């Protein structure tokens, strides 16, 4: 395992750590967005299904 870069390191000063941080963040953000989209789709399906149930109950009356 590589030791973490510090201010004194040449790579750190070049900013290579920033790229990896940004990539990591973008990966997290994409996962977050995917999770949001998935949750919204599931929630929307639930609403549609419960709406259909209510509609069929109203029709059945």
N, C-alpha and C. Protein backbone atom coordinates (compact mmCIF):
# COMPACT_ATOMS: atom_id res chain seq x y z
N UNK A 1 0.84 -1.20 0.00
CA UNK A 1 0.00 0.00 0.00
C UNK A 1 0.88 1.25 0.00
N UNK A 2 0.56 2.17 -0.90
CA UNK A 2 1.35 3.40 -0.97
C UNK A 2 1.02 4.30 0.20
N UNK A 3 2.05 5.00 0.70
CA UNK A 3 1.77 5.94 1.79
C UNK A 3 1.08 7.16 1.19
N UNK A 4 0.23 7.83 1.98
CA UNK A 4 -0.47 9.01 1.46
C UNK A 4 0.52 10.12 1.09
N UNK A 5 0.21 10.88 0.05
CA UNK A 5 1.08 11.97 -0.38
C UNK A 5 0.96 13.14 0.58
N UNK A 6 2.08 13.80 0.82
CA UNK A 6 2.06 14.98 1.68
C UNK A 6 2.48 16.19 0.86
N UNK A 7 2.42 17.36 1.47
CA UNK A 7 2.76 18.61 0.78
C UNK A 7 4.15 18.59 0.18
N UNK A 8 5.06 17.83 0.80
CA UNK A 8 6.45 17.82 0.35
C UNK A 8 6.68 17.00 -0.90
N UNK A 9 5.73 16.13 -1.25
CA UNK A 9 5.93 15.24 -2.39
C UNK A 9 5.79 15.95 -3.72
N UNK A 10 6.65 15.56 -4.65
CA UNK A 10 6.63 16.15 -5.99
C UNK A 10 5.27 15.90 -6.67
N UNK A 11 4.77 14.66 -6.57
CA UNK A 11 3.49 14.31 -7.19
C UNK A 11 2.37 15.18 -6.64
N UNK A 12 2.42 15.41 -5.33
CA UNK A 12 1.38 16.22 -4.69
C UNK A 12 1.40 17.63 -5.27
N UNK A 13 2.60 18.19 -5.39
CA UNK A 13 2.71 19.56 -5.90
C UNK A 13 2.26 19.64 -7.35
N UNK A 14 2.50 18.57 -8.12
CA UNK A 14 2.08 18.56 -9.52
C UNK A 14 0.56 18.51 -9.63
N UNK A 15 -0.10 18.07 -8.58
CA UNK A 15 -1.55 18.05 -8.61
C UNK A 15 -2.14 16.73 -9.08
N UNK A 16 -1.30 15.68 -9.18
CA UNK A 16 -1.83 14.40 -9.66
C UNK A 16 -2.85 13.84 -8.67
N UNK A 17 -2.71 14.20 -7.40
CA UNK A 17 -3.66 13.69 -6.40
C UNK A 17 -5.04 14.30 -6.64
N UNK A 18 -5.06 15.52 -7.19
CA UNK A 18 -6.34 16.18 -7.40
C UNK A 18 -7.15 15.43 -8.45
N UNK A 19 -6.48 14.94 -9.47
CA UNK A 19 -7.16 14.22 -10.53
C UNK A 19 -7.83 12.98 -9.95
N UNK A 20 -7.06 12.21 -9.16
CA UNK A 20 -7.63 10.97 -8.62
C UNK A 20 -8.77 11.30 -7.66
N UNK A 21 -8.65 12.38 -6.91
CA UNK A 21 -9.73 12.76 -6.00
C UNK A 21 -10.97 13.10 -6.81
N UNK A 22 -10.77 13.85 -7.89
CA UNK A 22 -11.91 14.26 -8.71
C UNK A 22 -12.56 13.03 -9.34
N UNK A 23 -11.74 12.12 -9.85
CA UNK A 23 -12.28 10.91 -10.46
C UNK A 23 -13.09 10.13 -9.43
N UNK A 24 -12.53 10.03 -8.22
CA UNK A 24 -13.19 9.29 -7.16
C UNK A 24 -14.54 9.95 -6.85
N UNK A 25 -14.52 11.29 -6.78
CA UNK A 25 -15.75 12.02 -6.47
C UNK A 25 -16.78 11.80 -7.56
N UNK A 26 -16.34 11.89 -8.82
CA UNK A 26 -17.28 11.70 -9.93
C UNK A 26 -17.87 10.30 -9.89
N UNK A 27 -17.05 9.31 -9.55
CA UNK A 27 -17.55 7.95 -9.45
C UNK A 27 -18.63 7.87 -8.37
N UNK A 28 -18.34 8.49 -7.21
CA UNK A 28 -19.32 8.48 -6.12
C UNK A 28 -20.59 9.19 -6.54
N UNK A 29 -20.41 10.33 -7.24
CA UNK A 29 -21.58 11.11 -7.62
C UNK A 29 -22.44 10.32 -8.61
N UNK A 30 -21.78 9.62 -9.53
CA UNK A 30 -22.54 8.82 -10.49
C UNK A 30 -23.32 7.72 -9.78
N UNK A 31 -22.67 7.09 -8.80
CA UNK A 31 -23.37 6.04 -8.05
C UNK A 31 -24.56 6.64 -7.32
N UNK A 32 -24.34 7.85 -6.77
CA UNK A 32 -25.39 8.54 -6.02
C UNK A 32 -26.57 8.84 -6.94
N UNK A 33 -26.26 9.36 -8.14
CA UNK A 33 -27.31 9.70 -9.10
C UNK A 33 -28.05 8.43 -9.53
N UNK A 34 -27.28 7.37 -9.78
CA UNK A 34 -27.91 6.10 -10.18
C UNK A 34 -28.85 5.61 -9.09
N UNK A 35 -28.42 5.73 -7.84
CA UNK A 35 -29.24 5.28 -6.72
C UNK A 35 -30.51 6.13 -6.65
N UNK A 36 -30.36 7.45 -6.85
CA UNK A 36 -31.52 8.33 -6.82
C UNK A 36 -32.51 7.95 -7.91
N UNK A 37 -31.99 7.75 -9.11
CA UNK A 37 -32.85 7.40 -10.24
C UNK A 37 -33.56 6.09 -9.96
N UNK A 38 -32.79 5.09 -9.46
CA UNK A 38 -33.38 3.79 -9.16
C UNK A 38 -34.48 3.94 -8.12
N UNK A 39 -34.19 4.71 -7.04
CA UNK A 39 -35.19 4.89 -5.98
C UNK A 39 -36.42 5.58 -6.52
N UNK A 40 -36.21 6.59 -7.37
CA UNK A 40 -37.36 7.32 -7.90
C UNK A 40 -38.21 6.43 -8.79
N UNK A 41 -37.54 5.57 -9.57
CA UNK A 41 -38.29 4.65 -10.43
C UNK A 41 -39.12 3.70 -9.57
N UNK A 42 -38.49 3.17 -8.51
CA UNK A 42 -39.22 2.25 -7.64
C UNK A 42 -40.39 2.97 -6.97
N UNK A 43 -40.13 4.20 -6.52
CA UNK A 43 -41.17 4.96 -5.85
C UNK A 43 -42.31 5.25 -6.83
N UNK A 44 -41.93 5.62 -8.06
CA UNK A 44 -42.94 5.92 -9.08
C UNK A 44 -43.78 4.67 -9.36
N UNK A 45 -43.11 3.52 -9.45
CA UNK A 45 -43.84 2.27 -9.69
C UNK A 45 -44.82 2.00 -8.55
N UNK A 46 -44.35 2.25 -7.31
CA UNK A 46 -45.23 2.03 -6.16
C UNK A 46 -46.45 2.93 -6.25
N UNK A 47 -46.20 4.22 -6.60
CA UNK A 47 -47.32 5.15 -6.73
C UNK A 47 -48.28 4.68 -7.81
N UNK A 48 -47.73 4.26 -8.94
CA UNK A 48 -48.58 3.80 -10.05
C UNK A 48 -49.40 2.60 -9.60
N UNK A 49 -48.74 1.65 -8.92
CA UNK A 49 -49.45 0.45 -8.49
C UNK A 49 -50.52 0.79 -7.46
N UNK A 50 -50.20 1.66 -6.49
CA UNK A 50 -51.20 2.01 -5.49
C UNK A 50 -52.32 2.81 -6.14
N UNK A 51 -51.97 3.66 -7.13
CA UNK A 51 -52.99 4.41 -7.86
C UNK A 51 -53.92 3.47 -8.61
N UNK A 52 -53.35 2.43 -9.21
CA UNK A 52 -54.15 1.46 -9.95
C UNK A 52 -55.09 0.72 -8.98
N UNK A 53 -54.54 0.41 -7.78
CA UNK A 53 -55.35 -0.30 -6.79
C UNK A 53 -56.54 0.56 -6.38
N UNK A 54 -56.26 1.85 -6.11
CA UNK A 54 -57.32 2.77 -5.69
C UNK A 54 -58.35 2.91 -6.81
N UNK A 55 -57.84 3.05 -8.04
CA UNK A 55 -58.75 3.22 -9.19
C UNK A 55 -59.65 1.99 -9.34
N UNK A 56 -59.06 0.80 -9.19
CA UNK A 56 -59.86 -0.41 -9.35
C UNK A 56 -60.88 -0.53 -8.21
N UNK A 57 -60.50 -0.06 -7.00
CA UNK A 57 -61.46 -0.08 -5.89
C UNK A 57 -62.62 0.84 -6.18
N UNK A 58 -62.29 2.04 -6.72
CA UNK A 58 -63.35 3.01 -7.04
C UNK A 58 -64.26 2.46 -8.12
N UNK A 59 -63.69 1.76 -9.09
CA UNK A 59 -64.49 1.19 -10.16
C UNK A 59 -65.37 0.07 -9.62
N UNK A 60 -64.82 -0.66 -8.65
CA UNK A 60 -65.55 -1.79 -8.10
C UNK A 60 -66.74 -1.37 -7.27
N UNK A 61 -66.77 -0.10 -6.81
CA UNK A 61 -67.86 0.33 -5.94
C UNK A 61 -69.15 0.44 -6.70
